Protein backbone atom coordinates (compact mmCIF):
# COMPACT_ATOMS: atom_id res chain seq x y z
CA UNK A 1 7.30 -7.36 -13.79
CA UNK A 2 7.54 -4.62 -11.20
CA UNK A 3 4.18 -3.69 -9.66
CA UNK A 4 5.65 -1.14 -7.25
CA UNK A 5 3.85 1.89 -8.80
CA UNK A 6 0.51 0.10 -8.54
CA UNK A 7 1.23 -0.88 -4.96
CA UNK A 8 2.29 2.68 -4.08
CA UNK A 9 -0.96 3.92 -5.64
CA UNK A 10 -2.91 1.48 -3.47
CA UNK A 11 -1.14 2.82 -0.39
CA UNK A 12 -1.89 6.43 -1.39
CA UNK A 13 -5.55 5.55 -2.02
CA UNK A 14 -5.68 4.15 1.49
CA UNK A 15 -4.21 7.36 2.93
CA UNK A 16 -6.83 9.41 1.10
CA UNK A 17 -9.65 7.15 2.26
CA UNK A 18 -8.42 7.32 5.86
CA UNK A 19 -8.20 11.13 5.65
CA UNK A 20 -11.78 11.38 4.40
CA UNK A 21 -12.86 9.00 7.15
CA UNK A 22 -11.08 11.15 9.74
CA UNK A 23 -12.64 14.34 8.38
CA UNK A 24 -16.16 12.90 8.35
CA UNK A 25 -15.87 10.70 11.43
CA UNK A 26 -16.56 7.61 9.31
CA UNK A 27 -14.89 4.77 11.19
CA UNK A 28 -15.44 2.28 8.37
CA UNK A 29 -13.48 4.42 5.90
CA UNK A 30 -10.78 5.01 8.50
CA UNK A 31 -10.35 1.26 8.94
CA UNK A 32 -10.51 0.50 5.23
CA UNK A 33 -7.94 3.22 4.56
CA UNK A 34 -5.53 1.82 7.12
CA UNK A 35 -6.00 -1.68 5.71
CA UNK A 36 -5.33 -0.50 2.14
CA UNK A 37 -2.19 1.30 3.29
CA UNK A 38 -0.90 -1.81 5.02
CA UNK A 39 -1.71 -3.98 2.01
CA UNK A 40 0.10 -1.62 -0.37
CA UNK A 41 3.12 -1.35 1.92
CA UNK A 42 3.32 -5.13 2.28
CA UNK A 43 3.18 -5.61 -1.48
CA UNK A 44 5.94 -3.02 -1.93
CA UNK A 45 8.09 -4.88 0.58
CA UNK A 46 7.49 -8.08 -1.39
CA UNK A 47 8.60 -6.31 -4.57
CA UNK A 48 11.81 -5.19 -2.86
CA UNK A 49 12.53 -8.75 -1.73
CA UNK A 50 11.90 -10.08 -5.25
CA UNK A 51 14.24 -7.46 -6.69
CA UNK A 52 16.92 -8.32 -4.14
CA UNK A 53 16.67 -12.03 -4.86
CA UNK A 54 16.68 -11.39 -8.59
CA UNK A 55 19.77 -9.23 -8.16
CA UNK A 56 21.65 -12.05 -6.44
CA UNK A 57 20.76 -14.52 -9.17
CA UNK A 58 22.12 -12.33 -11.99
């Protein structure tokens, strides 16, 4: 099962939250946005590794 679209959506949500935090000066939203972006990017990297390993097993 490939969760890449969900993980990309999480990353985009984080970018939006960070942008709102930047616009309003809300440091909590800025931090949460950055954390969500990192989490989504890390999960996407994990998906790529899984796909690469799966490709070598086929």
